[in-house]
């Protein structure tokens, strides 16, 4: 499940990056101010999605670290019981 979450986050980040670049191209195109406004909004949303994906990655890292610490503590405790 952890690997699936990481792959999903990477995919979301890549998609947000593509959308951001596409919005830049629309913004640079002359004319149609309504389309440019929409592109600016889409660009802002893509930025928020990228931030959320980064936070999700950090959360996965923290969960992995906590799990490692718990397993290490359990292992050390198990050794202390036998010695």
N, C-alpha and C. Protein backbone atom coordinates (compact mmCIF):
# COMPACT_ATOMS: atom_id res chain seq x y z
N UNK A 1 0.83 -1.19 0.00
CA UNK A 1 0.00 0.00 0.00
C UNK A 1 0.87 1.25 0.00
N UNK A 2 1.97 1.19 0.72
CA UNK A 2 2.87 2.34 0.79
C UNK A 2 3.42 2.69 -0.59
N UNK A 3 3.82 1.66 -1.33
CA UNK A 3 4.36 1.87 -2.68
C UNK A 3 3.29 2.46 -3.60
N UNK A 4 2.07 1.98 -3.47
CA UNK A 4 0.96 2.50 -4.28
C UNK A 4 0.76 3.98 -3.99
N UNK A 5 0.82 4.36 -2.73
CA UNK A 5 0.66 5.77 -2.36
C UNK A 5 1.77 6.61 -2.96
N UNK A 6 3.01 6.10 -2.91
CA UNK A 6 4.14 6.84 -3.46
C UNK A 6 3.98 7.03 -4.97
N UNK A 7 3.57 5.98 -5.67
CA UNK A 7 3.37 6.06 -7.12
C UNK A 7 2.25 7.05 -7.44
N UNK A 8 1.18 7.01 -6.67
CA UNK A 8 0.05 7.93 -6.88
C UNK A 8 0.50 9.37 -6.68
N UNK A 9 1.28 9.61 -5.64
CA UNK A 9 1.76 10.96 -5.36
C UNK A 9 2.67 11.45 -6.49
N UNK A 10 3.57 10.60 -6.96
CA UNK A 10 4.45 10.98 -8.06
C UNK A 10 3.63 11.32 -9.32
N UNK A 11 2.62 10.51 -9.59
CA UNK A 11 1.76 10.74 -10.75
C UNK A 11 1.03 12.07 -10.62
N UNK A 12 0.52 12.34 -9.45
CA UNK A 12 -0.19 13.60 -9.20
C UNK A 12 0.76 14.78 -9.38
N UNK A 13 1.98 14.66 -8.85
CA UNK A 13 2.95 15.75 -9.01
C UNK A 13 3.27 16.00 -10.48
N UNK A 14 3.47 14.92 -11.24
CA UNK A 14 3.77 15.07 -12.67
C UNK A 14 2.60 15.71 -13.41
N UNK A 15 1.38 15.27 -13.09
CA UNK A 15 0.20 15.85 -13.74
C UNK A 15 0.06 17.33 -13.41
N UNK A 16 0.28 17.68 -12.15
CA UNK A 16 0.18 19.09 -11.75
C UNK A 16 1.24 19.92 -12.47
N UNK A 17 2.42 19.36 -12.64
CA UNK A 17 3.49 20.06 -13.35
C UNK A 17 3.12 20.29 -14.81
N UNK A 18 2.55 19.27 -15.46
CA UNK A 18 2.12 19.40 -16.86
C UNK A 18 1.03 20.46 -16.98
N UNK A 19 0.06 20.42 -16.07
CA UNK A 19 -1.03 21.40 -16.09
C UNK A 19 -0.47 22.81 -15.89
N UNK A 20 0.49 22.94 -14.98
CA UNK A 20 1.11 24.24 -14.72
C UNK A 20 1.80 24.77 -15.97
N UNK A 21 2.54 23.92 -16.66
CA UNK A 21 3.23 24.34 -17.89
C UNK A 21 2.24 24.70 -18.99
N UNK A 22 1.18 23.92 -19.09
CA UNK A 22 0.15 24.21 -20.08
C UNK A 22 -0.52 25.56 -19.80
N UNK A 23 -0.78 25.81 -18.52
CA UNK A 23 -1.38 27.09 -18.14
C UNK A 23 -0.44 28.24 -18.50
N UNK A 24 0.87 28.04 -18.31
CA UNK A 24 1.84 29.07 -18.70
C UNK A 24 1.75 29.38 -20.19
N UNK A 25 1.60 28.34 -20.99
CA UNK A 25 1.49 28.53 -22.43
C UNK A 25 0.22 29.30 -22.79
N UNK A 26 -0.89 28.98 -22.13
CA UNK A 26 -2.15 29.69 -22.40
C UNK A 26 -2.02 31.14 -21.98
N UNK A 27 -1.38 31.39 -20.84
CA UNK A 27 -1.21 32.76 -20.36
C UNK A 27 -0.36 33.58 -21.33
N UNK A 28 0.65 32.95 -21.91
CA UNK A 28 1.56 33.66 -22.84
C UNK A 28 0.91 33.93 -24.19
N UNK A 29 -0.15 33.21 -24.52
CA UNK A 29 -0.81 33.37 -25.81
C UNK A 29 -1.57 34.69 -25.83
N UNK A 30 -1.42 35.48 -26.88
CA UNK A 30 -2.09 36.79 -26.91
C UNK A 30 -3.62 36.67 -27.05
N UNK A 31 -4.31 37.62 -26.46
CA UNK A 31 -5.77 37.69 -26.59
C UNK A 31 -6.51 36.88 -25.55
N UNK A 32 -7.82 36.83 -25.67
CA UNK A 32 -8.77 36.10 -24.82
C UNK A 32 -8.43 36.18 -23.32
N UNK A 33 -8.78 37.31 -22.75
CA UNK A 33 -8.49 37.56 -21.33
C UNK A 33 -9.22 36.58 -20.40
N UNK A 34 -10.42 36.16 -20.78
CA UNK A 34 -11.15 35.18 -19.94
C UNK A 34 -10.40 33.86 -19.85
N UNK A 35 -9.83 33.45 -20.97
CA UNK A 35 -9.05 32.21 -20.99
C UNK A 35 -7.80 32.36 -20.13
N UNK A 36 -7.18 33.53 -20.18
CA UNK A 36 -6.00 33.79 -19.36
C UNK A 36 -6.35 33.76 -17.87
N UNK A 37 -7.47 34.36 -17.51
CA UNK A 37 -7.90 34.34 -16.10
C UNK A 37 -8.10 32.90 -15.63
N UNK A 38 -8.75 32.11 -16.46
CA UNK A 38 -8.96 30.70 -16.12
C UNK A 38 -7.62 29.99 -15.97
N UNK A 39 -6.67 30.28 -16.85
CA UNK A 39 -5.35 29.65 -16.79
C UNK A 39 -4.63 30.03 -15.50
N UNK A 40 -4.75 31.28 -15.07
CA UNK A 40 -4.15 31.71 -13.80
C UNK A 40 -4.76 30.93 -12.62
N UNK A 41 -6.08 30.75 -12.65
CA UNK A 41 -6.75 29.99 -11.59
C UNK A 41 -6.28 28.53 -11.59
N UNK A 42 -6.20 27.97 -12.79
CA UNK A 42 -5.76 26.57 -12.92
C UNK A 42 -4.32 26.43 -12.42
N UNK A 43 -3.49 27.41 -12.74
CA UNK A 43 -2.10 27.41 -12.29
C UNK A 43 -2.03 27.44 -10.76
N UNK A 44 -2.86 28.23 -10.14
CA UNK A 44 -2.89 28.30 -8.67
C UNK A 44 -3.33 26.97 -8.08
N UNK A 45 -4.33 26.36 -8.69
CA UNK A 45 -4.81 25.05 -8.21
C UNK A 45 -3.72 24.00 -8.35
N UNK A 46 -3.02 24.01 -9.48
CA UNK A 46 -1.93 23.05 -9.70
C UNK A 46 -0.85 23.23 -8.64
N UNK A 47 -0.57 24.47 -8.28
CA UNK A 47 0.41 24.74 -7.22
C UNK A 47 -0.03 24.17 -5.88
N UNK A 48 -1.30 24.32 -5.58
CA UNK A 48 -1.83 23.76 -4.32
C UNK A 48 -1.76 22.23 -4.33
N UNK A 49 -2.05 21.64 -5.46
CA UNK A 49 -1.99 20.18 -5.58
C UNK A 49 -0.56 19.70 -5.36
N UNK A 50 0.41 20.41 -5.93
CA UNK A 50 1.81 20.04 -5.73
C UNK A 50 2.20 20.14 -4.25
N UNK A 51 1.74 21.20 -3.58
CA UNK A 51 2.02 21.34 -2.14
C UNK A 51 1.41 20.18 -1.35
N UNK A 52 0.17 19.84 -1.66
CA UNK A 52 -0.50 18.72 -0.98
C UNK A 52 0.24 17.40 -1.20
N UNK A 53 0.73 17.20 -2.42
CA UNK A 53 1.48 15.98 -2.72
C UNK A 53 2.78 15.93 -1.92
N UNK A 54 3.44 17.07 -1.79
CA UNK A 54 4.67 17.13 -0.99
C UNK A 54 4.37 16.82 0.49
N UNK A 55 3.26 17.34 0.98
CA UNK A 55 2.87 17.06 2.37
C UNK A 55 2.54 15.58 2.55
N UNK A 56 1.91 14.98 1.56
CA UNK A 56 1.60 13.55 1.63
C UNK A 56 2.88 12.73 1.64
N UNK A 57 3.86 13.13 0.84
CA UNK A 57 5.16 12.45 0.84
C UNK A 57 5.82 12.55 2.21
N UNK A 58 5.76 13.72 2.81
CA UNK A 58 6.35 13.91 4.14
C UNK A 58 5.64 13.03 5.17
N UNK A 59 4.33 12.91 5.05
CA UNK A 59 3.56 12.06 5.97
C UNK A 59 3.97 10.60 5.82
N UNK A 60 4.12 10.13 4.58
CA UNK A 60 4.55 8.75 4.34
C UNK A 60 5.92 8.53 4.98
N UNK A 61 6.80 9.50 4.83
CA UNK A 61 8.14 9.38 5.41
C UNK A 61 8.05 9.29 6.95
N UNK A 62 7.21 10.12 7.55
CA UNK A 62 7.06 10.09 9.01
C UNK A 62 6.49 8.76 9.49
N UNK A 63 5.49 8.25 8.78
CA UNK A 63 4.89 6.97 9.15
C UNK A 63 5.93 5.86 9.04
N UNK A 64 6.72 5.89 7.98
CA UNK A 64 7.77 4.89 7.79
C UNK A 64 8.79 4.97 8.94
N UNK A 65 9.16 6.18 9.32
CA UNK A 65 10.12 6.39 10.41
C UNK A 65 9.56 5.88 11.74
N UNK A 66 8.30 6.18 12.02
CA UNK A 66 7.67 5.71 13.26
C UNK A 66 7.60 4.20 13.29
N UNK A 67 7.23 3.60 12.16
CA UNK A 67 7.16 2.13 12.09
C UNK A 67 8.53 1.53 12.33
N UNK A 68 9.57 2.11 11.76
CA UNK A 68 10.93 1.62 11.96
C UNK A 68 11.33 1.74 13.43
N UNK A 69 11.01 2.88 14.04
CA UNK A 69 11.35 3.07 15.46
C UNK A 69 10.62 2.06 16.34
N UNK A 70 9.36 1.80 16.05
CA UNK A 70 8.59 0.82 16.83
C UNK A 70 9.18 -0.58 16.68
N UNK A 71 9.51 -0.95 15.45
CA UNK A 71 10.08 -2.28 15.22
C UNK A 71 11.44 -2.41 15.91
N UNK A 72 12.23 -1.35 15.85
CA UNK A 72 13.53 -1.37 16.52
C UNK A 72 13.35 -1.51 18.03
N UNK A 73 12.41 -0.77 18.60
CA UNK A 73 12.15 -0.86 20.04
C UNK A 73 11.68 -2.25 20.42
N UNK A 74 10.81 -2.82 19.61
CA UNK A 74 10.31 -4.17 19.87
C UNK A 74 11.44 -5.18 19.80
N UNK A 75 12.32 -5.02 18.83
CA UNK A 75 13.46 -5.92 18.69
C UNK A 75 14.39 -5.82 19.90
N UNK A 76 14.70 -4.60 20.31
CA UNK A 76 15.56 -4.39 21.48
C UNK A 76 14.91 -4.97 22.72
N UNK A 77 13.62 -4.76 22.90
CA UNK A 77 12.92 -5.32 24.04
C UNK A 77 12.97 -6.85 24.01
N UNK A 78 12.77 -7.44 22.83
CA UNK A 78 12.83 -8.88 22.70
C UNK A 78 14.19 -9.42 23.07
N UNK A 79 15.25 -8.73 22.68
CA UNK A 79 16.59 -9.16 23.04
C UNK A 79 16.83 -9.06 24.54
N UNK A 80 16.28 -8.02 25.16
CA UNK A 80 16.48 -7.85 26.61
C UNK A 80 15.78 -8.94 27.41
N UNK A 81 14.71 -9.49 26.88
CA UNK A 81 14.00 -10.55 27.56
C UNK A 81 14.84 -11.83 27.58
N UNK A 82 15.58 -12.06 26.49
CA UNK A 82 16.37 -13.28 26.37
C UNK A 82 17.73 -13.17 27.05
N UNK A 83 18.21 -11.98 27.31
CA UNK A 83 19.56 -11.85 27.89
C UNK A 83 19.51 -11.24 29.23
